[in-house]
Amino acid sequence: MKQNHHEASNVTLASTDGGAASKTTVQVRAVPGAEDLPLPSQATGDSAGFDLRANIDGVLTLQPGGRYRVATGIAIALPSGYEAQVRPRSGLAWKHGLTLLNSPGTIDADYRGEIQVILIHHGDQLFSVRRGDRIAQLVVQRLPRVTWQAVTTLPETDRGAGGFGHTGDH
């Protein structure tokens, strides 16, 4: 979809809440110079994530062990009470060792800049990213409203304070 960067497009996200389908609209804008890139889209009707694409000129060659900040060509306006999480694509992780450093990366509802991702290449061979390649996915979630209540003790549980590895290795 070609789009003028001065216009915002609405992406409607389908979600289920207690068995009833509901929809949330998120405004998305192509940043200047990225009007030729597709807007975020789901690979299938039940995909949780919307594919994000590389907004780069030409080809970016990723060195093993290297990390790279890659722009996606879009900015969004989430409704208040929502967040978007930037997550790796499983195929890139499995086949090429490509993942995201801050995964999931959080996009707050009041952020209006271009979404960028931090790719890290854990593979052992060079990997090329081209303009428009799908490099990450975006999942939009509703956030609960939280009120903190200061207490001097917490309710007991079977687990208690058991943390990292407390249930064993397998």
N, C-alpha and C. Protein backbone atom coordinates (compact mmCIF):
# COMPACT_ATOMS: atom_id res chain seq x y z
N MET A 1 0.84 -1.16 0.00
CA MET A 1 0.00 0.00 0.00
C MET A 1 0.89 1.23 0.00
N LYS A 2 0.82 2.02 -1.06
CA LYS A 2 1.58 3.25 -1.11
C LYS A 2 0.81 4.31 -0.35
N GLN A 3 1.52 5.13 0.42
CA GLN A 3 0.84 6.07 1.27
C GLN A 3 1.64 7.35 1.38
N ASN A 4 0.97 8.47 1.37
CA ASN A 4 1.60 9.76 1.58
C ASN A 4 1.95 9.88 3.05
N HIS A 5 3.15 10.34 3.38
CA HIS A 5 3.57 10.40 4.78
C HIS A 5 2.80 11.43 5.60
N HIS A 6 2.04 12.29 4.97
CA HIS A 6 1.24 13.26 5.73
C HIS A 6 -0.09 12.69 6.18
N GLU A 7 -0.44 11.53 5.69
CA GLU A 7 -1.70 10.90 6.06
C GLU A 7 -1.46 9.76 7.03
N ALA A 8 -2.36 9.59 7.95
CA ALA A 8 -2.29 8.46 8.88
C ALA A 8 -3.27 7.41 8.41
N SER A 9 -2.90 6.17 8.58
CA SER A 9 -3.78 5.06 8.24
C SER A 9 -4.17 4.37 9.53
N ASN A 10 -5.35 3.81 9.59
CA ASN A 10 -5.78 3.07 10.77
C ASN A 10 -5.59 1.58 10.53
N VAL A 11 -4.99 0.92 11.49
CA VAL A 11 -4.88 -0.53 11.49
C VAL A 11 -5.81 -1.02 12.58
N THR A 12 -6.74 -1.90 12.25
CA THR A 12 -7.66 -2.42 13.24
C THR A 12 -7.14 -3.75 13.73
N LEU A 13 -7.01 -3.86 15.02
CA LEU A 13 -6.51 -5.08 15.64
C LEU A 13 -7.67 -5.84 16.23
N ALA A 14 -7.82 -7.09 15.86
CA ALA A 14 -8.88 -7.92 16.42
C ALA A 14 -8.34 -8.59 17.67
N SER A 15 -9.15 -8.62 18.70
CA SER A 15 -8.76 -9.31 19.92
C SER A 15 -9.97 -9.99 20.51
N THR A 16 -9.72 -10.96 21.36
CA THR A 16 -10.83 -11.60 22.05
C THR A 16 -10.73 -11.26 23.51
N ASP A 17 -11.85 -10.97 24.09
CA ASP A 17 -11.91 -10.57 25.49
C ASP A 17 -13.12 -11.25 26.11
N GLY A 18 -12.89 -12.34 26.83
CA GLY A 18 -14.00 -13.05 27.45
C GLY A 18 -14.91 -13.71 26.44
N GLY A 19 -14.35 -14.13 25.31
CA GLY A 19 -15.14 -14.82 24.31
C GLY A 19 -15.78 -13.91 23.28
N ALA A 20 -15.84 -12.63 23.56
CA ALA A 20 -16.44 -11.70 22.61
C ALA A 20 -15.33 -11.00 21.83
N ALA A 21 -15.43 -10.98 20.52
CA ALA A 21 -14.43 -10.33 19.69
C ALA A 21 -14.59 -8.82 19.81
N SER A 22 -13.48 -8.13 19.95
CA SER A 22 -13.51 -6.67 19.97
C SER A 22 -12.39 -6.18 19.07
N LYS A 23 -12.47 -4.93 18.67
CA LYS A 23 -11.46 -4.38 17.78
C LYS A 23 -10.91 -3.10 18.38
N THR A 24 -9.62 -2.91 18.17
CA THR A 24 -8.93 -1.71 18.60
C THR A 24 -8.28 -1.10 17.37
N THR A 25 -8.42 0.19 17.21
CA THR A 25 -7.82 0.87 16.07
C THR A 25 -6.55 1.57 16.52
N VAL A 26 -5.47 1.35 15.77
CA VAL A 26 -4.20 1.99 16.02
C VAL A 26 -3.84 2.79 14.77
N GLN A 27 -3.57 4.07 14.94
CA GLN A 27 -3.15 4.88 13.80
C GLN A 27 -1.69 4.59 13.51
N VAL A 28 -1.36 4.47 12.23
CA VAL A 28 0.00 4.20 11.79
C VAL A 28 0.34 5.15 10.66
N ARG A 29 1.58 5.67 10.69
CA ARG A 29 2.02 6.63 9.68
C ARG A 29 3.37 6.19 9.13
N ALA A 30 3.47 6.20 7.81
CA ALA A 30 4.77 5.97 7.18
C ALA A 30 5.61 7.23 7.39
N VAL A 31 6.85 7.06 7.84
CA VAL A 31 7.73 8.21 8.03
C VAL A 31 8.23 8.67 6.66
N PRO A 32 8.66 9.93 6.55
CA PRO A 32 9.16 10.41 5.26
C PRO A 32 10.26 9.50 4.72
N GLY A 33 10.12 9.13 3.46
CA GLY A 33 11.07 8.25 2.80
C GLY A 33 10.72 6.78 2.88
N ALA A 34 9.67 6.43 3.64
CA ALA A 34 9.28 5.02 3.78
C ALA A 34 7.89 4.76 3.20
N GLU A 35 7.40 5.67 2.41
CA GLU A 35 6.04 5.53 1.86
C GLU A 35 5.89 4.31 0.96
N ASP A 36 6.99 3.79 0.43
CA ASP A 36 6.94 2.63 -0.46
C ASP A 36 6.86 1.31 0.29
N LEU A 37 7.12 1.31 1.60
CA LEU A 37 7.10 0.07 2.39
C LEU A 37 5.69 -0.29 2.82
N PRO A 38 5.36 -1.58 2.86
CA PRO A 38 4.04 -1.98 3.36
C PRO A 38 3.89 -1.63 4.83
N LEU A 39 2.67 -1.29 5.22
CA LEU A 39 2.37 -1.06 6.63
C LEU A 39 2.40 -2.41 7.35
N PRO A 40 2.46 -2.41 8.69
CA PRO A 40 2.48 -3.68 9.42
C PRO A 40 1.28 -4.55 9.03
N SER A 41 1.55 -5.85 8.88
CA SER A 41 0.47 -6.76 8.51
C SER A 41 0.72 -8.11 9.16
N GLN A 42 -0.37 -8.86 9.30
CA GLN A 42 -0.31 -10.21 9.86
C GLN A 42 -0.08 -11.19 8.72
N ALA A 43 0.76 -12.21 8.97
CA ALA A 43 1.02 -13.23 7.95
C ALA A 43 -0.21 -14.11 7.74
N THR A 44 -0.95 -14.37 8.81
CA THR A 44 -2.18 -15.16 8.71
C THR A 44 -3.25 -14.47 9.55
N GLY A 45 -4.49 -14.88 9.39
CA GLY A 45 -5.59 -14.27 10.12
C GLY A 45 -5.49 -14.41 11.63
N ASP A 46 -4.83 -15.43 12.12
CA ASP A 46 -4.69 -15.64 13.56
C ASP A 46 -3.30 -15.30 14.09
N SER A 47 -2.46 -14.67 13.28
CA SER A 47 -1.14 -14.26 13.76
C SER A 47 -1.29 -13.23 14.86
N ALA A 48 -0.52 -13.39 15.93
CA ALA A 48 -0.56 -12.43 17.03
C ALA A 48 0.22 -11.17 16.68
N GLY A 49 1.28 -11.33 15.90
CA GLY A 49 2.15 -10.20 15.60
C GLY A 49 1.93 -9.64 14.20
N PHE A 50 2.27 -8.36 14.07
CA PHE A 50 2.24 -7.66 12.80
C PHE A 50 3.68 -7.48 12.35
N ASP A 51 4.00 -7.92 11.14
CA ASP A 51 5.38 -7.87 10.65
C ASP A 51 5.86 -6.44 10.49
N LEU A 52 7.08 -6.19 10.97
CA LEU A 52 7.77 -4.91 10.79
C LEU A 52 8.86 -5.12 9.75
N ARG A 53 9.09 -4.11 8.93
CA ARG A 53 10.03 -4.22 7.82
C ARG A 53 11.20 -3.26 7.98
N ALA A 54 12.30 -3.60 7.34
CA ALA A 54 13.51 -2.78 7.42
C ALA A 54 13.38 -1.55 6.54
N ASN A 55 13.54 -0.39 7.14
CA ASN A 55 13.55 0.88 6.42
C ASN A 55 15.00 1.30 6.27
N ILE A 56 15.68 0.64 5.34
CA ILE A 56 17.09 0.93 5.09
C ILE A 56 17.27 1.18 3.60
N ASP A 57 18.37 1.82 3.26
CA ASP A 57 18.73 1.99 1.86
C ASP A 57 19.67 0.86 1.48
N GLY A 58 19.32 0.15 0.41
CA GLY A 58 20.20 -0.91 -0.07
C GLY A 58 20.21 -2.12 0.83
N VAL A 59 21.42 -2.62 1.11
CA VAL A 59 21.61 -3.86 1.87
C VAL A 59 22.45 -3.57 3.11
N LEU A 60 22.04 -4.14 4.25
CA LEU A 60 22.81 -4.06 5.48
C LEU A 60 23.36 -5.45 5.74
N THR A 61 24.69 -5.58 5.77
CA THR A 61 25.32 -6.87 6.01
C THR A 61 25.64 -6.99 7.49
N LEU A 62 25.05 -7.99 8.13
CA LEU A 62 25.22 -8.20 9.56
C LEU A 62 26.39 -9.15 9.81
N GLN A 63 27.32 -8.71 10.62
CA GLN A 63 28.47 -9.52 11.00
C GLN A 63 28.10 -10.41 12.17
N PRO A 64 28.60 -11.64 12.24
CA PRO A 64 28.36 -12.47 13.43
C PRO A 64 28.80 -11.72 14.69
N GLY A 65 27.94 -11.72 15.69
CA GLY A 65 28.21 -11.03 16.94
C GLY A 65 27.86 -9.55 16.93
N GLY A 66 27.48 -9.03 15.78
CA GLY A 66 27.20 -7.60 15.67
C GLY A 66 25.78 -7.26 16.10
N ARG A 67 25.60 -6.01 16.50
CA ARG A 67 24.26 -5.51 16.82
C ARG A 67 24.02 -4.25 16.01
N TYR A 68 22.76 -4.08 15.61
CA TYR A 68 22.42 -3.05 14.65
C TYR A 68 21.07 -2.44 14.99
N ARG A 69 20.98 -1.12 14.95
CA ARG A 69 19.70 -0.44 15.13
C ARG A 69 19.11 -0.23 13.74
N VAL A 70 17.91 -0.80 13.53
CA VAL A 70 17.29 -0.77 12.21
C VAL A 70 15.92 -0.10 12.32
N ALA A 71 15.71 0.92 11.52
CA ALA A 71 14.43 1.62 11.48
C ALA A 71 13.39 0.78 10.74
N THR A 72 12.11 0.99 11.06
CA THR A 72 11.03 0.23 10.44
C THR A 72 10.17 1.05 9.48
N GLY A 73 10.34 2.35 9.47
CA GLY A 73 9.59 3.18 8.53
C GLY A 73 8.20 3.58 9.00
N ILE A 74 7.84 3.23 10.24
CA ILE A 74 6.51 3.59 10.73
C ILE A 74 6.57 4.25 12.11
N ALA A 75 5.58 5.06 12.36
CA ALA A 75 5.30 5.61 13.69
C ALA A 75 3.84 5.29 13.96
N ILE A 76 3.50 5.07 15.24
CA ILE A 76 2.13 4.69 15.59
C ILE A 76 1.59 5.56 16.72
N ALA A 77 0.28 5.57 16.84
CA ALA A 77 -0.41 6.24 17.94
C ALA A 77 -1.30 5.21 18.61
N LEU A 78 -0.78 4.61 19.67
CA LEU A 78 -1.56 3.62 20.42
C LEU A 78 -2.59 4.34 21.28
N PRO A 79 -3.75 3.73 21.48
CA PRO A 79 -4.70 4.31 22.43
C PRO A 79 -4.13 4.24 23.85
N SER A 80 -4.55 5.16 24.68
CA SER A 80 -4.15 5.13 26.09
C SER A 80 -4.56 3.79 26.69
N GLY A 81 -3.71 3.23 27.53
CA GLY A 81 -4.01 1.94 28.15
C GLY A 81 -3.51 0.75 27.35
N TYR A 82 -2.73 1.01 26.27
CA TYR A 82 -2.17 -0.05 25.44
C TYR A 82 -0.66 0.10 25.38
N GLU A 83 0.01 -0.98 25.02
CA GLU A 83 1.43 -0.96 24.69
C GLU A 83 1.61 -1.83 23.46
N ALA A 84 2.72 -1.63 22.77
CA ALA A 84 3.10 -2.52 21.68
C ALA A 84 4.44 -3.13 22.06
N GLN A 85 4.59 -4.42 21.81
CA GLN A 85 5.84 -5.12 22.10
C GLN A 85 6.50 -5.52 20.78
N VAL A 86 7.77 -5.16 20.64
CA VAL A 86 8.55 -5.56 19.47
C VAL A 86 9.23 -6.87 19.83
N ARG A 87 8.99 -7.89 19.01
CA ARG A 87 9.50 -9.24 19.29
C ARG A 87 10.25 -9.80 18.08
N PRO A 88 11.13 -10.77 18.33
CA PRO A 88 11.85 -11.40 17.21
C PRO A 88 10.91 -12.23 16.34
N ARG A 89 11.36 -12.51 15.14
CA ARG A 89 10.67 -13.45 14.26
C ARG A 89 11.34 -14.80 14.45
N SER A 90 10.55 -15.82 14.73
CA SER A 90 11.10 -17.13 15.07
C SER A 90 11.92 -17.74 13.94
N GLY A 91 11.50 -17.57 12.71
CA GLY A 91 12.24 -18.14 11.58
C GLY A 91 13.63 -17.55 11.46
N LEU A 92 13.76 -16.24 11.63
CA LEU A 92 15.08 -15.61 11.57
C LEU A 92 15.97 -16.07 12.73
N ALA A 93 15.35 -16.24 13.90
CA ALA A 93 16.12 -16.69 15.06
C ALA A 93 16.63 -18.12 14.84
N TRP A 94 15.75 -19.00 14.40
CA TRP A 94 16.11 -20.41 14.25
C TRP A 94 17.08 -20.63 13.09
N LYS A 95 16.76 -20.07 11.94
CA LYS A 95 17.56 -20.35 10.74
C LYS A 95 18.87 -19.58 10.67
N HIS A 96 18.89 -18.35 11.25
CA HIS A 96 20.06 -17.49 11.06
C HIS A 96 20.67 -16.96 12.35
N GLY A 97 20.06 -17.24 13.51
CA GLY A 97 20.59 -16.73 14.77
C GLY A 97 20.34 -15.25 14.96
N LEU A 98 19.36 -14.70 14.27
CA LEU A 98 19.05 -13.27 14.34
C LEU A 98 17.91 -13.04 15.32
N THR A 99 18.14 -12.19 16.30
CA THR A 99 17.10 -11.91 17.29
C THR A 99 17.19 -10.45 17.70
N LEU A 100 16.44 -10.07 18.72
CA LEU A 100 16.43 -8.69 19.20
C LEU A 100 17.08 -8.62 20.58
N LEU A 101 17.86 -7.58 20.80
CA LEU A 101 18.54 -7.45 22.09
C LEU A 101 17.57 -7.13 23.23
N ASN A 102 16.70 -6.20 23.05
CA ASN A 102 15.77 -5.84 24.13
C ASN A 102 14.40 -6.42 23.82
N SER A 103 14.30 -7.71 23.96
CA SER A 103 13.06 -8.38 23.57
C SER A 103 12.30 -8.86 24.80
N PRO A 104 11.03 -8.49 24.93
CA PRO A 104 10.34 -7.60 24.00
C PRO A 104 10.68 -6.15 24.29
N GLY A 105 10.80 -5.38 23.23
CA GLY A 105 10.96 -3.94 23.36
C GLY A 105 9.58 -3.33 23.50
N THR A 106 9.43 -2.39 24.40
CA THR A 106 8.12 -1.80 24.67
C THR A 106 7.97 -0.46 23.97
N ILE A 107 6.85 -0.31 23.26
CA ILE A 107 6.47 0.98 22.68
C ILE A 107 5.33 1.50 23.55
N ASP A 108 5.55 2.64 24.19
CA ASP A 108 4.53 3.23 25.05
C ASP A 108 3.48 3.98 24.24
N ALA A 109 2.30 4.13 24.81
CA ALA A 109 1.18 4.76 24.12
C ALA A 109 1.46 6.22 23.75
N ASP A 110 2.36 6.88 24.45
CA ASP A 110 2.62 8.30 24.15
C ASP A 110 3.83 8.51 23.25
N TYR A 111 4.46 7.44 22.75
CA TYR A 111 5.61 7.57 21.85
C TYR A 111 5.12 7.77 20.42
N ARG A 112 5.66 8.75 19.72
CA ARG A 112 5.23 9.04 18.35
C ARG A 112 6.37 8.99 17.34
N GLY A 113 7.55 8.59 17.76
CA GLY A 113 8.67 8.52 16.83
C GLY A 113 8.66 7.24 16.02
N GLU A 114 9.61 7.14 15.09
CA GLU A 114 9.74 5.94 14.27
C GLU A 114 10.14 4.76 15.14
N ILE A 115 9.48 3.64 14.95
CA ILE A 115 9.83 2.43 15.67
C ILE A 115 11.12 1.88 15.08
N GLN A 116 12.05 1.56 15.97
CA GLN A 116 13.33 0.98 15.56
C GLN A 116 13.55 -0.29 16.37
N VAL A 117 14.32 -1.20 15.82
CA VAL A 117 14.62 -2.45 16.51
C VAL A 117 16.13 -2.60 16.62
N ILE A 118 16.56 -3.32 17.66
CA ILE A 118 17.99 -3.61 17.84
C ILE A 118 18.20 -5.08 17.51
N LEU A 119 18.72 -5.33 16.31
CA LEU A 119 19.02 -6.69 15.87
C LEU A 119 20.38 -7.11 16.41
N ILE A 120 20.49 -8.37 16.80
CA ILE A 120 21.80 -8.95 17.15
C ILE A 120 21.93 -10.25 16.37
N HIS A 121 23.10 -10.45 15.82
CA HIS A 121 23.35 -11.60 14.97
C HIS A 121 24.20 -12.63 15.72
N HIS A 122 23.54 -13.70 16.18
CA HIS A 122 24.22 -14.77 16.91
C HIS A 122 24.68 -15.89 15.98
N GLY A 123 24.42 -15.75 14.69
CA GLY A 123 24.84 -16.79 13.75
C GLY A 123 26.34 -16.75 13.51
N ASP A 124 26.81 -17.67 12.65
CA ASP A 124 28.25 -17.75 12.39
C ASP A 124 28.63 -17.34 10.97
N GLN A 125 27.65 -16.86 10.18
CA GLN A 125 27.92 -16.42 8.82
C GLN A 125 27.28 -15.05 8.60
N LEU A 126 27.81 -14.31 7.65
CA LEU A 126 27.22 -13.02 7.32
C LEU A 126 25.74 -13.19 6.99
N PHE A 127 24.93 -12.18 7.33
CA PHE A 127 23.51 -12.21 7.01
C PHE A 127 23.14 -10.85 6.45
N SER A 128 22.42 -10.85 5.34
CA SER A 128 22.04 -9.60 4.69
C SER A 128 20.58 -9.26 4.93
N VAL A 129 20.34 -8.00 5.27
CA VAL A 129 18.99 -7.45 5.40
C VAL A 129 18.82 -6.44 4.28
N ARG A 130 17.73 -6.57 3.55
CA ARG A 130 17.43 -5.67 2.44
C ARG A 130 16.23 -4.80 2.79
N ARG A 131 16.12 -3.69 2.12
CA ARG A 131 14.99 -2.79 2.31
C ARG A 131 13.68 -3.58 2.15
N GLY A 132 12.79 -3.43 3.13
CA GLY A 132 11.49 -4.09 3.07
C GLY A 132 11.46 -5.49 3.66
N ASP A 133 12.61 -6.07 4.03
CA ASP A 133 12.62 -7.39 4.67
C ASP A 133 11.89 -7.34 6.00
N ARG A 134 11.18 -8.42 6.30
CA ARG A 134 10.51 -8.54 7.60
C ARG A 134 11.57 -8.86 8.65
N ILE A 135 11.72 -7.99 9.64
CA ILE A 135 12.82 -8.14 10.60
C ILE A 135 12.35 -8.37 12.04
N ALA A 136 11.10 -8.08 12.33
CA ALA A 136 10.58 -8.23 13.70
C ALA A 136 9.06 -8.26 13.60
N GLN A 137 8.42 -8.43 14.74
CA GLN A 137 6.96 -8.37 14.77
C GLN A 137 6.51 -7.50 15.93
N LEU A 138 5.33 -6.94 15.77
CA LEU A 138 4.75 -6.03 16.75
C LEU A 138 3.47 -6.63 17.28
N VAL A 139 3.39 -6.78 18.61
CA VAL A 139 2.19 -7.31 19.27
C VAL A 139 1.62 -6.20 20.13
N VAL A 140 0.34 -5.92 19.98
CA VAL A 140 -0.33 -4.86 20.74
C VAL A 140 -1.15 -5.50 21.85
N GLN A 141 -0.98 -4.97 23.06
CA GLN A 141 -1.65 -5.52 24.24
C GLN A 141 -2.32 -4.40 25.04
N ARG A 142 -3.46 -4.75 25.63
CA ARG A 142 -4.10 -3.85 26.58
C ARG A 142 -3.38 -4.01 27.92
N LEU A 143 -3.19 -2.91 28.61
CA LEU A 143 -2.51 -2.93 29.90
C LEU A 143 -3.50 -2.79 31.04
N PRO A 144 -3.30 -3.54 32.11
CA PRO A 144 -4.16 -3.32 33.28
C PRO A 144 -3.74 -2.02 33.97
N ARG A 145 -4.68 -1.38 34.60
CA ARG A 145 -4.37 -0.21 35.42
C ARG A 145 -3.99 -0.73 36.79
N VAL A 146 -2.85 -0.33 37.29
CA VAL A 146 -2.31 -0.88 38.52
C VAL A 146 -2.21 0.22 39.58
N THR A 147 -2.61 -0.12 40.77
CA THR A 147 -2.41 0.73 41.94
C THR A 147 -1.52 -0.03 42.90
N TRP A 148 -0.43 0.58 43.35
CA TRP A 148 0.48 -0.06 44.29
C TRP A 148 -0.03 0.14 45.71
N GLN A 149 0.01 -0.91 46.48
CA GLN A 149 -0.40 -0.86 47.88
C GLN A 149 0.78 -1.27 48.73
N ALA A 150 1.33 -0.36 49.51
CA ALA A 150 2.47 -0.66 50.37
C ALA A 150 2.00 -1.51 51.55
N VAL A 151 2.71 -2.62 51.81
CA VAL A 151 2.39 -3.51 52.93
C VAL A 151 3.69 -3.89 53.62
N THR A 152 3.59 -4.46 54.80
CA THR A 152 4.79 -4.90 55.52
C THR A 152 5.05 -6.39 55.33
N THR A 153 4.01 -7.16 54.95
CA THR A 153 4.18 -8.59 54.66
C THR A 153 3.34 -8.92 53.43
N LEU A 154 3.73 -9.99 52.77
CA LEU A 154 3.00 -10.47 51.59
C LEU A 154 2.33 -11.79 51.92
N PRO A 155 1.23 -12.15 51.23
CA PRO A 155 0.59 -13.45 51.46
C PRO A 155 1.57 -14.58 51.15
N GLU A 156 1.52 -15.65 51.90
CA GLU A 156 2.39 -16.81 51.71
C GLU A 156 1.93 -17.63 50.50
N THR A 157 2.91 -18.27 49.81
CA THR A 157 2.63 -19.21 48.72
C THR A 157 3.55 -20.42 48.90
N ASP A 158 3.26 -21.51 48.19
CA ASP A 158 4.15 -22.67 48.25
C ASP A 158 5.54 -22.33 47.73
N ARG A 159 5.62 -21.49 46.73
CA ARG A 159 6.90 -21.12 46.14
C ARG A 159 7.69 -20.19 47.05
N GLY A 160 7.03 -19.25 47.67
CA GLY A 160 7.72 -18.28 48.51
C GLY A 160 8.66 -17.42 47.70
N ALA A 161 9.89 -17.27 48.17
CA ALA A 161 10.88 -16.43 47.50
C ALA A 161 11.76 -17.21 46.53
N GLY A 162 11.42 -18.49 46.26
CA GLY A 162 12.22 -19.31 45.34
C GLY A 162 12.28 -18.67 43.96
N GLY A 163 13.47 -18.47 43.43
CA GLY A 163 13.64 -17.80 42.15
C GLY A 163 14.39 -18.65 41.16
N PHE A 164 15.33 -18.06 40.49
CA PHE A 164 16.08 -18.66 39.40
C PHE A 164 16.47 -20.11 39.68
N GLY A 165 15.88 -21.03 38.93
CA GLY A 165 16.26 -22.43 38.99
C GLY A 165 15.81 -23.18 40.23
N HIS A 166 14.92 -22.61 41.01
CA HIS A 166 14.56 -23.26 42.27
C HIS A 166 13.76 -24.54 42.10
N THR A 167 13.19 -24.77 40.92
CA THR A 167 12.41 -26.00 40.71
C THR A 167 13.24 -27.09 40.03
N GLY A 168 14.52 -26.84 39.77
CA GLY A 168 15.38 -27.85 39.16
C GLY A 168 15.64 -27.55 37.71
N ASP A 169 16.52 -28.37 37.10
CA ASP A 169 16.93 -28.13 35.72
C ASP A 169 15.96 -28.70 34.69
N HIS A 170 15.24 -29.75 35.02
CA HIS A 170 14.41 -30.40 34.00
C HIS A 170 12.97 -30.46 34.43
